[in-house]
Each structure stands twice: as structure tokens, then as C-alpha cells.
Amino acid sequence: MRFEGSVAINAPIDKVWASLTDPNVVSQCAPGLKSMDIIEPDKRFNVVASIGFGAVKVNFDADVEFVELKPPTYAMVKAHGKAPGSAVDVASDMHLLEGPDGTTTLDWTANVVVVGSIAGLASRLMSGITKQLSAQFFNCIKGKIEGARVEA
């Protein structure tokens, strides 16, 4: 399944880039995140997240890796997560575009593949769940970036 979106952020591109590539900032906004361990700084992370599919909650243990970084305009992340009897693979990228008056536009895409015992349930509910979780994440991250003090 493919998902995409665009978010206008009232902050300069360098500040948006720094926030979106900092796992400590991103983890504060990731819905369902239970834990995050940095395996290799600025490169690999392990996360445990709980995602609800209707009445079913699934805990995923996932390895996340930045596979391409072109500061301050492009990043690609890949993740592979496992849950009992199921797995998920995600490939996501973001493009940052400098806008007028020190604003930044974030365009993102995510390709998600779910296999195993929750695949049928996930395929029926994934679109709505992804829209909801994406909105929560981007509203949070936008608030953190726009509300953060600008360092001199």
C-alpha cells in the first residue's frame, strides 16, 4: 500500500531537516512508540511500537535505517518489523522544499507491505489507520518544529 502527503511548516528548511532526521525528536511524536534504541547514530535504530488494527493491538519490533540522506532536502528510510506471526516492511521518503518567508514544504511517501496473520485485517483497516496516525505524527512534529526556540 502506498501513502503520501504534504505538510507546510512555518520554519526554515535547515531547522525542519535537523528535527526530522533526529530520532530523539521524531520519537516524541511517533504514535504507539514504546521504546527506541539508537544502534548506529544518524543511521540505524531499533523501535518497539504498538499499532491497533480495530480491536487488535500488535507490538512490532522494528529495525529502522536511513538508507539515503541528502541534506537538507531528501531522506529515505527503510524499516522491517516483526510481530508474532506477522511482519511489516516500510520504505518512506521525504522531500523538503524551501518556501517563501522562511517556510518549508514537506512532501512524503510511504510504501507499506504487511504479511502474516494480520495482513488481511491490516489491508481492510490500513488506509484509515495510516491517515489517523500520519495526522497525529505530522501535527505533533509541526508543533515541535514551529514552537521550538531558534538557536542563535
Protein backbone atom coordinates (compact mmCIF):
# COMPACT_ATOMS: atom_id res chain seq x y z
CA MET A 1 0.00 0.00 0.00
CA ARG A 2 1.23 3.47 -0.87
CA PHE A 3 0.55 6.58 1.19
CA GLU A 4 1.59 10.17 0.62
CA GLY A 5 1.07 13.66 1.93
CA SER A 6 2.32 17.19 2.15
CA VAL A 7 2.80 19.43 5.19
CA ALA A 8 3.56 23.16 5.30
CA ILE A 9 5.85 24.04 8.20
CA ASN A 10 6.50 27.59 9.32
CA ALA A 11 10.24 27.15 9.83
CA PRO A 12 13.41 27.31 7.70
CA ILE A 13 14.47 24.18 5.82
CA ASP A 14 17.61 23.59 7.94
CA LYS A 15 15.58 23.55 11.15
CA VAL A 16 12.97 21.19 9.62
CA TRP A 17 15.73 18.88 8.35
CA ALA A 18 17.50 18.79 11.71
CA SER A 19 14.27 17.89 13.50
CA LEU A 20 13.09 15.24 11.04
CA THR A 21 16.44 13.45 10.99
CA ASP A 22 16.84 13.48 14.78
CA PRO A 23 15.41 10.23 16.20
CA ASN A 24 15.03 11.84 19.62
CA VAL A 25 12.70 14.50 18.18
CA VAL A 26 10.83 12.12 15.87
CA SER A 27 10.33 9.55 18.63
CA GLN A 28 8.48 12.15 20.73
CA CYS A 29 5.78 12.25 18.05
CA ALA A 30 5.63 8.64 16.82
CA PRO A 31 2.19 7.22 17.73
CA GLY A 32 2.37 3.94 19.62
CA LEU A 33 6.13 4.11 20.19
CA LYS A 34 7.10 2.15 23.30
CA SER A 35 10.88 2.36 23.04
CA MET A 36 13.71 3.44 20.76
CA ASP A 37 17.37 2.44 20.87
CA ILE A 38 20.00 4.08 18.69
CA ILE A 39 22.11 1.29 17.18
CA GLU A 40 24.31 3.47 14.96
CA PRO A 41 24.00 7.27 15.38
CA ASP A 42 22.42 9.05 12.40
CA LYS A 43 21.93 5.70 10.65
CA ARG A 44 20.20 2.75 12.43
CA PHE A 45 17.61 2.47 15.18
CA ASN A 46 15.52 -0.22 16.82
CA VAL A 47 11.98 0.63 17.85
CA VAL A 48 9.14 -1.17 19.56
CA ALA A 49 5.72 0.16 18.63
CA SER A 50 2.16 -0.89 19.32
CA ILE A 51 -0.32 -0.44 16.48
CA GLY A 52 -4.03 -1.05 16.77
CA PHE A 53 -5.95 -2.66 13.92
CA GLY A 54 -9.52 -2.26 15.12
CA ALA A 55 -9.82 -4.23 18.37
CA VAL A 56 -6.47 -5.98 17.77
CA LYS A 57 -3.25 -4.40 19.07
CA VAL A 58 0.03 -5.65 17.64
CA ASN A 59 3.51 -4.97 19.02
CA PHE A 60 6.16 -4.64 16.33
CA ASP A 61 9.90 -4.84 16.98
CA ALA A 62 11.42 -2.96 14.05
CA ASP A 63 14.83 -2.11 12.67
CA VAL A 64 14.84 1.34 11.06
CA GLU A 65 17.61 2.68 8.85
CA PHE A 66 18.31 5.88 6.97
CA VAL A 67 19.38 4.48 3.60
CA GLU A 68 19.86 7.81 1.85
CA LEU A 69 20.43 11.32 3.19
CA LYS A 70 20.87 14.43 1.02
CA PRO A 71 20.84 17.32 3.49
CA PRO A 72 18.74 19.39 3.69
CA THR A 73 16.27 18.25 1.03
CA TYR A 74 15.89 14.46 0.86
CA ALA A 75 15.90 11.42 3.11
CA MET A 76 14.87 7.79 2.62
CA VAL A 77 14.13 5.44 5.50
CA LYS A 78 13.51 1.71 5.41
CA ALA A 79 12.11 -0.36 8.24
CA HIS A 80 11.46 -4.03 8.83
CA GLY A 81 9.30 -5.00 11.75
CA LYS A 82 8.26 -8.32 13.24
CA ALA A 83 5.29 -9.28 15.37
CA PRO A 84 4.17 -12.78 16.36
CA GLY A 85 3.12 -14.41 13.08
CA SER A 86 3.41 -11.19 11.07
CA ALA A 87 5.88 -8.76 9.57
CA VAL A 88 5.88 -5.31 8.02
CA ASP A 89 8.24 -3.61 5.58
CA VAL A 90 8.18 0.15 5.09
CA ALA A 91 10.06 2.33 2.62
CA SER A 92 9.46 6.03 3.15
CA ASP A 93 10.98 9.18 1.76
CA MET A 94 10.68 12.88 2.36
CA HIS A 95 11.42 15.85 0.16
CA LEU A 96 11.85 19.27 1.72
CA LEU A 97 11.27 22.37 -0.38
CA GLU A 98 12.21 25.87 0.72
CA GLY A 99 9.23 28.17 0.53
CA PRO A 100 8.66 31.88 0.77
CA ASP A 101 9.19 33.76 4.03
CA GLY A 102 11.29 31.03 5.66
CA THR A 103 8.69 28.28 5.35
CA THR A 104 9.29 24.68 4.30
CA THR A 105 7.06 22.20 2.49
CA LEU A 106 7.49 18.55 3.44
CA ASP A 107 6.29 16.06 0.81
CA TRP A 108 6.37 12.42 1.95
CA THR A 109 5.55 8.97 0.66
CA ALA A 110 5.42 5.59 2.36
CA ASN A 111 5.12 2.13 0.85
CA VAL A 112 3.91 -0.41 3.41
CA VAL A 113 3.76 -4.19 3.00
CA VAL A 114 2.18 -6.30 5.76
CA VAL A 115 2.43 -10.10 5.69
CA GLY A 116 1.30 -12.86 8.00
CA SER A 117 -1.65 -13.33 10.29
CA ILE A 118 -2.66 -9.65 10.45
CA ALA A 119 -2.29 -8.97 6.71
CA GLY A 120 -6.00 -9.41 5.92
CA LEU A 121 -7.08 -7.26 8.83
CA ALA A 122 -4.41 -4.66 8.06
CA SER A 123 -5.42 -4.42 4.39
CA ARG A 124 -9.01 -3.56 5.35
CA LEU A 125 -8.09 -1.03 8.03
CA MET A 126 -4.67 0.28 6.95
CA SER A 127 -5.84 3.31 4.96
CA GLY A 128 -7.89 4.81 7.79
CA ILE A 129 -5.34 3.93 10.47
CA THR A 130 -2.47 5.35 8.43
CA LYS A 131 -4.32 8.63 7.80
CA GLN A 132 -5.07 8.96 11.51
CA LEU A 133 -1.52 8.09 12.66
CA SER A 134 0.07 10.30 9.99
CA ALA A 135 -2.09 13.26 11.02
CA GLN A 136 -1.15 12.76 14.68
CA PHE A 137 2.54 12.49 13.83
CA PHE A 138 2.73 15.47 11.49
CA ASN A 139 0.63 17.73 13.76
CA CYS A 140 2.97 16.88 16.64
CA ILE A 141 6.20 17.31 14.67
CA LYS A 142 4.97 20.54 13.09
CA GLY A 143 4.15 21.89 16.56
CA LYS A 144 7.56 20.89 17.91
CA ILE A 145 9.43 22.48 14.99
CA GLU A 146 7.37 25.67 14.87
CA GLY A 147 7.30 26.03 18.66
CA ALA A 148 10.98 25.30 19.25
CA ARG A 149 13.29 28.18 20.04
CA VAL A 150 15.55 29.18 17.17
CA GLU A 151 19.17 28.80 18.25
CA ALA A 152 21.33 31.84 17.62
